[in-house]
Protein backbone atom coordinates (compact mmCIF):
# COMPACT_ATOMS: atom_id res chain seq x y z
CA MET A 1 -5.53 -23.30 -20.30
CA THR A 2 -8.34 -24.29 -18.38
CA ALA A 3 -10.12 -27.67 -18.75
CA ASP A 4 -13.63 -26.05 -19.43
CA SER A 5 -12.72 -23.18 -21.82
CA PRO A 6 -11.21 -24.69 -24.86
CA ALA A 7 -8.78 -22.69 -26.79
CA VAL A 8 -10.43 -20.67 -29.64
CA GLY A 9 -9.66 -21.49 -33.15
CA ASP A 10 -7.99 -19.48 -36.19
CA GLY A 11 -11.68 -19.28 -37.53
CA ALA A 12 -14.45 -16.75 -36.65
CA SER A 13 -14.28 -14.52 -33.82
CA ARG A 14 -15.33 -15.44 -30.43
CA THR A 15 -18.16 -13.95 -29.00
CA PRO A 16 -17.25 -12.78 -25.28
CA ASP A 17 -18.71 -14.69 -22.16
CA ASP A 18 -19.87 -11.81 -20.52
CA ALA A 19 -20.95 -8.64 -22.65
CA GLY A 20 -21.11 -6.50 -19.55
CA ALA A 21 -17.78 -7.76 -18.41
CA PRO A 22 -14.90 -5.03 -18.58
CA PRO A 23 -12.47 -5.21 -21.50
CA ILE A 24 -9.67 -5.88 -18.95
CA GLU A 25 -9.76 -7.08 -15.76
CA VAL A 26 -6.72 -8.68 -13.37
CA ARG A 27 -7.41 -10.62 -10.65
CA ASP A 28 -4.91 -11.34 -7.79
CA LEU A 29 -1.88 -11.51 -10.40
CA SER A 30 1.36 -12.56 -9.03
CA VAL A 31 4.56 -12.98 -10.78
CA ALA A 32 8.00 -13.82 -9.67
CA PHE A 33 11.10 -14.05 -12.03
CA GLY A 34 12.63 -17.05 -10.51
CA ASP A 35 12.94 -16.67 -6.48
CA VAL A 36 12.44 -12.91 -7.13
CA PRO A 37 8.97 -11.64 -6.90
CA VAL A 38 7.74 -8.59 -8.83
CA VAL A 39 4.39 -8.44 -8.31
CA SER A 40 1.96 -9.72 -5.91
CA GLY A 41 -1.92 -9.56 -5.42
CA VAL A 42 -2.57 -6.95 -8.28
CA ASP A 43 -6.22 -6.32 -9.12
CA LEU A 44 -7.24 -4.16 -11.73
CA ARG A 45 -10.11 -2.85 -14.01
CA VAL A 46 -10.41 -0.90 -17.68
CA GLU A 47 -13.71 -0.21 -18.25
CA ARG A 48 -14.88 0.80 -21.76
CA GLY A 49 -14.40 4.76 -22.25
CA SER A 50 -11.50 4.69 -19.51
CA LEU A 51 -7.48 5.32 -19.80
CA VAL A 52 -5.95 4.14 -16.62
CA GLY A 53 -2.56 4.97 -15.86
CA LEU A 54 -0.06 2.79 -14.14
CA VAL A 55 2.74 4.58 -12.56
CA GLY A 56 5.48 3.67 -9.79
CA PRO A 57 9.34 3.89 -9.40
CA ASN A 58 11.45 1.78 -11.70
CA GLY A 59 11.04 -2.06 -11.07
CA ALA A 60 7.75 -1.93 -9.57
CA GLY A 61 6.40 -4.06 -12.28
CA LYS A 62 4.44 -1.72 -14.89
CA THR A 63 5.75 -3.51 -17.54
CA THR A 64 5.32 -7.16 -15.96
CA VAL A 65 1.52 -6.41 -15.59
CA LEU A 66 1.15 -5.31 -18.99
CA ARG A 67 2.70 -8.35 -20.48
CA ALA A 68 0.80 -10.91 -18.75
CA ILE A 69 -2.50 -8.97 -20.06
CA LYS A 70 -0.74 -9.48 -23.17
CA GLY A 71 -0.33 -12.73 -22.58
CA THR A 72 3.40 -12.88 -23.19
CA LEU A 73 4.04 -13.73 -19.62
CA SER A 74 2.40 -16.52 -17.78
CA PRO A 75 1.42 -15.19 -14.10
CA ASP A 76 2.43 -17.67 -11.14
CA ALA A 77 -0.98 -17.00 -9.87
CA GLY A 78 -4.12 -15.32 -10.49
CA GLU A 79 -5.69 -14.52 -13.81
CA VAL A 80 -6.34 -12.08 -16.61
CA ARG A 81 -9.69 -11.61 -18.43
CA LEU A 82 -10.53 -10.23 -21.64
CA ASP A 83 -14.00 -8.91 -22.00
CA GLY A 84 -14.91 -11.43 -19.64
CA ASP A 85 -12.97 -14.56 -20.90
CA PRO A 86 -9.93 -16.01 -19.14
CA ALA A 87 -7.15 -14.89 -21.47
CA ASP A 88 -5.51 -18.17 -21.29
CA SER A 89 -8.55 -19.86 -22.93
CA LEU A 90 -7.98 -17.31 -26.03
CA SER A 91 -5.89 -18.36 -29.16
CA PRO A 92 -3.31 -15.68 -30.10
CA ARG A 93 -5.32 -14.70 -33.02
CA GLU A 94 -8.31 -14.13 -30.83
CA ALA A 95 -6.42 -12.55 -27.98
CA GLY A 96 -5.09 -10.09 -30.87
CA ARG A 97 -8.76 -9.26 -31.95
CA ARG A 98 -9.35 -8.09 -28.41
CA VAL A 99 -6.41 -6.10 -27.39
CA ALA A 100 -3.08 -4.32 -29.13
CA SER A 101 -0.07 -3.35 -27.55
CA VAL A 102 2.55 -0.76 -28.04
CA PRO A 103 5.83 -1.74 -26.48
CA GLN A 104 8.41 0.32 -24.94
CA GLU A 105 11.20 -1.48 -26.96
CA THR A 106 11.14 -0.48 -30.30
CA SER A 107 14.19 -1.88 -31.81
CA LEU A 108 13.29 -4.29 -34.82
CA ALA A 109 15.37 -7.21 -35.88
CA PHE A 110 14.53 -7.11 -39.62
CA ASP A 111 14.67 -4.71 -42.45
CA PHE A 112 10.62 -4.19 -43.05
CA ARG A 113 9.39 -1.09 -44.65
CA VAL A 114 7.14 0.87 -42.48
CA ARG A 115 4.12 0.18 -44.01
CA GLN A 116 4.83 -3.87 -43.80
CA ILE A 117 5.11 -3.20 -40.00
CA VAL A 118 1.61 -1.31 -39.78
CA GLU A 119 0.22 -3.74 -41.81
CA MET A 120 1.27 -6.68 -39.54
CA GLY A 121 -1.60 -5.22 -37.21
CA ARG A 122 -4.21 -6.62 -39.88
CA THR A 123 -3.18 -10.45 -38.75
CA PRO A 124 -5.35 -11.31 -36.23
CA HIS A 125 -8.17 -10.58 -38.92
CA LEU A 126 -6.98 -12.77 -41.76
CA GLY A 127 -7.19 -16.46 -42.22
CA ARG A 128 -3.98 -18.58 -42.79
CA PHE A 129 -3.83 -17.80 -46.29
CA ASP A 130 -5.98 -14.38 -46.94
CA GLY A 131 -4.63 -11.43 -48.59
CA HIS A 132 -5.41 -8.08 -47.27
CA GLY A 133 -8.51 -6.76 -48.66
CA PRO A 134 -10.10 -3.40 -48.93
CA ALA A 135 -10.81 -2.97 -45.27
CA ASP A 136 -7.49 -3.96 -44.27
CA ASP A 137 -5.96 -1.40 -46.57
CA ARG A 138 -8.38 1.41 -44.78
CA ALA A 139 -7.26 0.36 -41.63
CA VAL A 140 -3.66 0.58 -42.18
CA ARG A 141 -4.04 3.88 -44.15
CA GLU A 142 -6.02 5.71 -41.21
CA ALA A 143 -3.67 4.23 -38.60
CA MET A 144 -0.43 5.85 -40.64
CA ASP A 145 -2.47 8.80 -40.82
CA ALA A 146 -3.38 8.99 -36.99
CA ALA A 147 -0.02 8.24 -35.77
CA GLY A 148 1.65 10.45 -38.31
CA VAL A 149 3.69 8.00 -40.42
CA ALA A 150 2.34 7.93 -43.90
CA ARG A 151 4.93 10.53 -45.45
CA PHE A 152 7.71 7.77 -44.46
CA ALA A 153 5.55 4.80 -45.15
CA ASP A 154 8.08 3.09 -47.87
CA ARG A 155 11.12 3.84 -46.01
CA ALA A 156 13.12 1.24 -44.13
CA ILE A 157 11.99 0.86 -40.46
CA THR A 158 15.91 0.87 -39.83
CA GLU A 159 16.11 4.20 -41.37
CA VAL A 160 13.67 6.17 -39.25
CA SER A 161 14.42 7.37 -35.68
CA GLY A 162 13.81 5.94 -32.30
CA GLY A 163 10.44 8.33 -32.03
CA GLU A 164 9.54 7.73 -35.27
CA ARG A 165 9.60 3.85 -34.58
CA GLN A 166 7.77 4.01 -31.49
CA ARG A 167 4.71 5.82 -33.87
CA VAL A 168 4.93 3.16 -36.49
CA LEU A 169 4.41 0.84 -33.38
CA LEU A 170 1.25 3.17 -32.34
CA ALA A 171 0.31 2.66 -36.28
CA ARG A 172 0.44 -1.05 -35.96
CA ALA A 173 -1.70 -1.52 -32.70
CA LEU A 174 -4.11 1.42 -34.21
CA ALA A 175 -4.60 -1.09 -37.84
CA GLN A 176 -5.23 -3.96 -35.24
CA GLU A 177 -8.62 -2.26 -34.31
CA THR A 178 -8.76 -3.68 -30.88
CA PRO A 179 -11.67 -2.62 -28.23
CA SER A 180 -8.53 -2.35 -25.86
CA LEU A 181 -4.99 -0.95 -25.73
CA LEU A 182 -2.20 -1.58 -24.01
CA LEU A 183 0.66 1.30 -24.07
CA ASP A 184 4.47 0.83 -21.96
CA GLU A 185 5.90 4.30 -21.60
CA PRO A 186 4.27 5.39 -25.40
CA THR A 187 5.75 8.93 -25.25
CA ALA A 188 9.50 8.04 -23.93
CA SER A 189 10.98 8.49 -26.99
CA LEU A 190 8.75 11.20 -28.53
CA ASP A 191 9.25 15.19 -28.74
CA VAL A 192 6.90 17.27 -27.03
CA ASN A 193 4.47 17.79 -29.77
CA HIS A 194 4.10 14.16 -30.98
CA ALA A 195 4.02 13.38 -27.33
CA VAL A 196 1.14 15.12 -27.10
CA ARG A 197 -0.38 14.32 -30.50
CA THR A 198 -0.08 10.17 -29.49
CA LEU A 199 -1.85 10.66 -25.77
CA GLU A 200 -4.55 13.38 -27.69
CA LEU A 201 -4.92 10.47 -30.01
CA VAL A 202 -5.25 7.98 -27.26
CA ARG A 203 -7.59 10.26 -25.12
CA GLY A 204 -9.91 10.33 -28.31
CA LEU A 205 -10.15 6.73 -28.86
CA VAL A 206 -11.13 6.15 -25.14
CA ASP A 207 -13.59 8.91 -25.24
CA GLY A 208 -15.11 6.55 -28.19
CA GLU A 209 -15.63 3.62 -25.81
CA ARG A 210 -12.19 1.99 -26.34
CA ALA A 211 -10.32 1.07 -22.94
CA ALA A 212 -6.66 1.57 -22.23
CA ILE A 213 -3.98 0.95 -19.69
CA ALA A 214 -0.73 2.87 -20.14
CA ALA A 215 2.23 2.72 -18.16
CA ILE A 216 3.49 6.31 -17.70
CA HIS A 217 6.63 7.67 -16.17
CA ASP A 218 5.54 11.66 -16.05
CA LEU A 219 2.80 12.28 -13.32
CA ASP A 220 1.71 15.10 -14.60
CA VAL A 221 0.76 13.47 -18.09
CA ALA A 222 -0.85 10.59 -16.14
CA ALA A 223 -2.76 12.97 -14.31
CA ARG A 224 -3.73 15.02 -17.56
CA TYR A 225 -4.78 12.35 -19.68
CA CYS A 226 -5.85 9.18 -17.57
CA ASP A 227 -9.53 8.72 -15.88
CA GLU A 228 -7.97 6.62 -13.25
CA ILE A 229 -4.33 6.01 -11.67
CA VAL A 230 -2.85 3.03 -10.17
CA VAL A 231 0.25 2.92 -8.30
CA LEU A 232 2.60 0.27 -8.32
CA ALA A 233 5.35 0.14 -5.63
CA ASN A 234 7.37 -2.90 -3.69
CA GLY A 235 5.03 -5.58 -5.59
CA GLY A 236 1.63 -4.26 -5.00
CA VAL A 237 -0.83 -1.88 -5.42
CA ARG A 238 -0.43 1.36 -3.11
CA ALA A 239 -3.05 3.26 -4.58
CA ALA A 240 -5.56 3.71 -7.09
CA GLY A 241 -8.47 6.03 -8.10
CA PRO A 242 -9.07 9.54 -10.13
CA PRO A 243 -5.90 11.40 -10.16
CA ALA A 244 -6.43 14.33 -7.47
CA ASP A 245 -7.33 11.57 -5.08
CA VAL A 246 -4.22 9.25 -5.72
CA LEU A 247 -1.87 11.75 -6.56
CA THR A 248 -1.17 12.93 -2.91
CA ALA A 249 2.09 13.75 -1.06
CA GLY A 250 1.78 11.07 1.34
CA THR A 251 0.98 8.32 -1.53
CA LEU A 252 4.44 9.99 -3.26
CA ARG A 253 6.30 9.55 -0.30
CA ASP A 254 4.99 6.09 0.37
CA ALA A 255 5.45 4.63 -3.33
CA PHE A 256 8.46 6.70 -4.42
CA ASP A 257 10.06 7.39 -1.38
CA ALA A 258 10.31 11.11 -2.50
CA GLU A 259 9.39 14.55 -1.14
CA ALA A 260 6.72 16.03 -3.32
CA PHE A 261 4.40 18.91 -3.70
CA VAL A 262 1.35 18.17 -5.60
CA GLY A 263 -0.62 21.52 -7.02
CA GLU A 264 -2.93 22.22 -9.76
CA ASN A 265 -2.00 23.12 -13.14
CA PRO A 266 -4.12 26.19 -14.05
CA SER A 267 -4.02 25.37 -17.61
CA THR A 268 -5.70 21.96 -17.33
CA GLY A 269 -7.04 21.94 -13.64
CA THR A 270 -5.47 18.64 -13.16
CA PRO A 271 -3.00 17.76 -10.69
CA THR A 272 0.94 18.97 -11.22
CA VAL A 273 3.83 16.98 -8.72
CA THR A 274 7.09 18.96 -7.87
CA ALA A 275 9.44 16.71 -6.49
CA PHE A 276 12.35 17.42 -4.26
CA ASP A 277 15.28 15.32 -3.07
CA ALA A 278 14.18 13.40 -0.11
CA LEU A 279 16.34 15.15 2.92
CA ASP A 280 16.36 12.75 5.72
CA GLY A 281 19.11 11.63 7.12
CA ALA A 282 21.19 12.94 3.80
CA ASP A 283 24.94 13.56 5.13
CA GLU A 284 26.60 17.22 4.48
CA SER A 285 27.99 16.14 1.05
CA GLY A 286 24.56 14.92 -0.04
CA GLY A 287 25.54 11.54 -0.27
CA ALA A 288 22.95 8.66 0.58
CA GLU A 289 21.04 8.56 3.54
CA SER A 290 22.17 6.06 6.62
CA THR A 291 20.24 2.70 6.94
CA ASP A 292 18.91 3.85 10.38
CA ALA A 293 18.21 7.36 9.01
CA ARG A 294 15.59 5.59 6.37
CA GLU A 295 14.20 3.31 8.77
CA SER A 296 13.34 6.38 11.22
CA THR A 297 11.84 8.57 8.53
CA ASP A 298 8.13 7.36 9.27
CA ALA A 299 8.53 7.67 12.76
CA ARG A 300 9.36 11.28 12.54
CA GLU A 301 6.95 13.43 13.90
CA PRO A 302 6.01 16.46 11.87
CA ARG A 303 6.82 20.36 13.25
CA ARG A 304 3.84 22.91 13.23
CA VAL A 305 5.67 25.59 10.86
CA HIS A 306 4.53 29.21 10.53
CA VAL A 307 5.81 31.26 7.30
CA VAL A 308 6.11 34.97 7.30
CA GLY A 309 6.86 36.77 3.73
CA SER A 310 4.79 36.66 0.48
CA GLY A 311 5.32 36.17 -3.10
CA ARG A 312 7.40 33.63 -4.49
CA SER A 313 9.81 33.22 -1.92
CA ALA A 314 6.82 32.47 0.66
CA ALA A 315 5.21 29.82 -1.51
CA ARG A 316 8.50 28.13 -2.10
CA ALA A 317 8.67 27.60 1.63
CA VAL A 318 5.38 26.41 1.92
CA ALA A 319 5.27 23.70 -0.65
CA ARG A 320 8.61 22.66 0.44
CA LEU A 321 8.06 22.41 3.87
CA ALA A 322 4.52 21.07 3.32
CA ALA A 323 6.19 18.25 0.89
CA ALA A 324 8.58 17.57 3.82
CA GLY A 325 5.12 16.59 5.90
CA HIS A 326 5.52 19.39 8.29
CA ALA A 327 1.83 21.24 9.12
CA VAL A 328 2.15 24.62 7.22
CA SER A 329 0.71 28.05 7.88
CA VAL A 330 1.27 31.63 5.98
CA GLY A 331 0.15 34.79 6.66
CA VAL A 332 -0.64 37.31 6.65
CA VAL A 333 -0.70 37.68 2.46
CA PRO A 334 -2.47 39.20 -0.04
CA GLU A 335 -5.55 38.12 -1.38
CA GLY A 336 -4.40 35.94 -4.93
CA ASP A 337 -0.74 35.90 -3.73
CA ALA A 338 1.46 32.97 -5.03
CA ALA A 339 1.94 31.65 -1.32
CA ALA A 340 -1.88 31.53 -0.77
CA GLY A 341 -2.35 29.93 -3.85
CA VAL A 342 0.09 27.04 -2.97
CA ALA A 343 -1.11 26.98 0.75
CA THR A 344 -4.75 26.17 -1.03
CA ASP A 345 -3.17 23.00 -3.00
CA ALA A 346 -1.11 21.77 -0.30
CA GLY A 347 -3.93 21.94 2.26
CA ALA A 348 -2.04 24.47 4.66
CA THR A 349 -3.73 27.35 6.11
CA ALA A 350 -3.38 30.84 4.70
CA VAL A 351 -4.45 33.81 6.31
CA THR A 352 -4.86 36.42 3.50
CA ALA A 353 -5.91 40.12 3.43
CA PRO A 354 -7.07 42.39 0.57
CA PRO A 355 -3.95 43.86 -1.15
CA PHE A 356 -3.03 47.50 -1.37
CA ALA A 357 -4.58 48.35 1.81
CA ALA A 358 -3.63 48.24 5.81
CA VAL A 359 -4.00 44.61 7.15
CA PRO A 360 -6.78 44.36 9.25
CA ALA A 361 -6.21 43.76 12.87
CA GLU A 362 -8.42 40.30 13.17
CA ARG A 363 -6.53 39.24 10.16
CA ARG A 364 -3.09 40.24 11.95
CA ALA A 365 -4.33 38.41 15.28
CA GLU A 366 -5.27 35.18 13.29
CA ALA A 367 -1.45 35.24 11.78
CA VAL A 368 -0.05 36.20 15.51
CA ALA A 369 -1.90 33.25 16.91
CA LEU A 370 -0.72 30.92 14.19
CA ALA A 371 2.94 31.88 14.67
CA GLU A 372 2.36 31.55 18.53
CA GLU A 373 1.05 28.11 18.12
CA ALA A 374 3.80 27.32 15.79
CA ASP A 375 7.24 24.97 16.79
CA VAL A 376 8.85 27.12 14.26
CA THR A 377 8.21 30.31 11.90
CA VAL A 378 9.76 30.73 9.08
CA ALA A 379 11.05 34.40 7.57
CA ALA A 380 10.80 33.87 3.69
CA GLY A 381 12.35 36.34 1.51
CA SER A 382 12.13 39.71 3.46
CA GLY A 383 15.30 39.98 4.94
CA GLU A 384 15.95 41.62 8.02
CA ARG A 385 12.32 43.35 8.54
CA GLY A 386 11.16 39.62 7.74
CA GLU A 387 13.32 38.37 10.47
CA THR A 388 11.98 41.13 13.01
CA GLU A 389 8.38 40.37 11.96
CA ALA A 390 8.74 36.70 12.49
CA ASN A 391 10.01 37.49 15.90
CA SER A 392 7.13 39.68 16.61
CA GLU A 393 4.76 37.28 15.57
CA ALA A 394 6.32 34.06 17.19
CA GLY A 395 5.84 32.73 20.60
CA ALA A 396 8.73 33.05 23.31
CA ASN A 397 9.39 29.18 22.70
CA ALA A 398 9.49 29.12 18.88
CA ALA A 399 12.45 29.29 16.80
CA VAL A 400 13.09 31.80 14.08
CA LEU A 401 14.35 30.40 10.89
CA ALA A 402 15.57 32.65 7.92
CA ALA A 403 14.96 31.12 4.66
CA GLY A 404 15.69 32.72 0.80
CA ASP A 405 18.99 35.21 0.88
CA ARG A 406 19.44 35.12 4.52
CA ILE A 407 20.16 31.45 4.63
CA ALA A 408 23.37 31.90 6.29
CA ARG A 409 21.59 33.19 9.51
CA ILE A 410 19.99 29.58 10.42
CA ASP A 411 21.08 28.14 13.18
CA ASP A 412 22.25 25.03 13.12
CA GLY A 413 22.08 24.50 16.85
CA PHE A 414 18.47 24.29 16.37
CA GLY A 415 18.42 20.63 16.67
CA ASP A 416 15.60 19.55 14.13
CA SER A 417 18.07 18.51 11.06
CA GLU A 418 15.00 17.45 8.50
CA LEU A 419 13.31 20.88 9.05
CA LEU A 420 16.47 22.73 8.64
CA ASP A 421 17.47 20.97 5.40
CA ALA A 422 13.93 21.67 4.19
CA VAL A 423 14.22 25.86 4.98
CA ARG A 424 17.51 25.24 3.16
CA GLU A 425 15.67 24.03 0.25
CA CYS A 426 13.56 26.81 0.12
CA ASP A 427 16.50 29.19 -0.95
CA GLY A 428 16.04 30.92 -4.28
CA ASN A 429 16.60 34.31 -5.89
CA ASP A 430 14.68 36.45 -3.75
CA ALA A 431 15.67 39.61 -5.64
CA ALA A 432 13.22 38.54 -8.38
CA ASP A 433 10.85 38.91 -5.78
CA ARG A 434 11.59 42.40 -4.78
């Protein structure tokens, strides 16, 4: 607590110092547990009408940041501001009027009824000796209805499932009627129906000019519902911004040490992430890579790879090779082909031609030029015919690798183990493509 910012008492709600300030602002936040730093130099803002998603690998500090915002954890450096006021200048009651939280941990020590748990959300709005009035009863009733827990309101909290407990804690936060919400993995214990309902509910609250920040492990979910995404890794913010700008193969490789293909969900128009097991330096048995191999990953130069084939086999090859960091091209493929769509999502070059017609000479020449310029040409899912076509298009110095049902034909003497591993990962049931 600062000397010039006295604590607010338990009486009337304090007027924020800066009405134009963001509901939640974190400035240069650093937290350590003993001698172990968890987060360092974290900055973020959550504006009204915005849902910010915190994503990152396990142990990145997502829950730590949320706890610091809520005030249950004191930072070692930096500050948290709620509506422009330093959070440590607010009494617990006043802070509870400004921000409500839904924790990841749902276990409760006492055998309260569900309704009693939700009623606890009204505590910041009550005086020390006040009872619940009509406004409190309305808030509790509406919160239980919104979270879908009204039907078991009279059951003991110990008699409901983990997913139901999570919804009860959401109802408690809603009953608090705060302008800001903190959610720590709010759908972790929920089935798909209630997960969607919960996030649609939060999205509706945000669209009604509330602010929310949520730690979310599912990147597709974060991309679908969040206005902005903050990527935490190795104790700091690695990227921040709109989902389409943040969820890139490079960012995911940097933050999660994962190779991933980022496409577009055709139903929602939002990014969708397909992660692959990192292959660099893995041994033949699939064991962990060596330290030397890990350190050499960043120094690996991408290869130029041209994919010959079409359909799902070629699409898999383009996605996997692009995720591995290679510069990929594909063609000639029919317009609207799956491989062309994946190439567009991956930022790869696709040579296309009208379907059900002879390939124009200029299109064929363009594909041949790409193959000649490539270090490697991959024949995806076309059997011997595809290999023959790939050989005819490839330059004299390019190796031809066969993916899919001809995976055994790969030349293990090629000398590029990372690329060979990526091509092996293109394997699939090519019979379904023909």
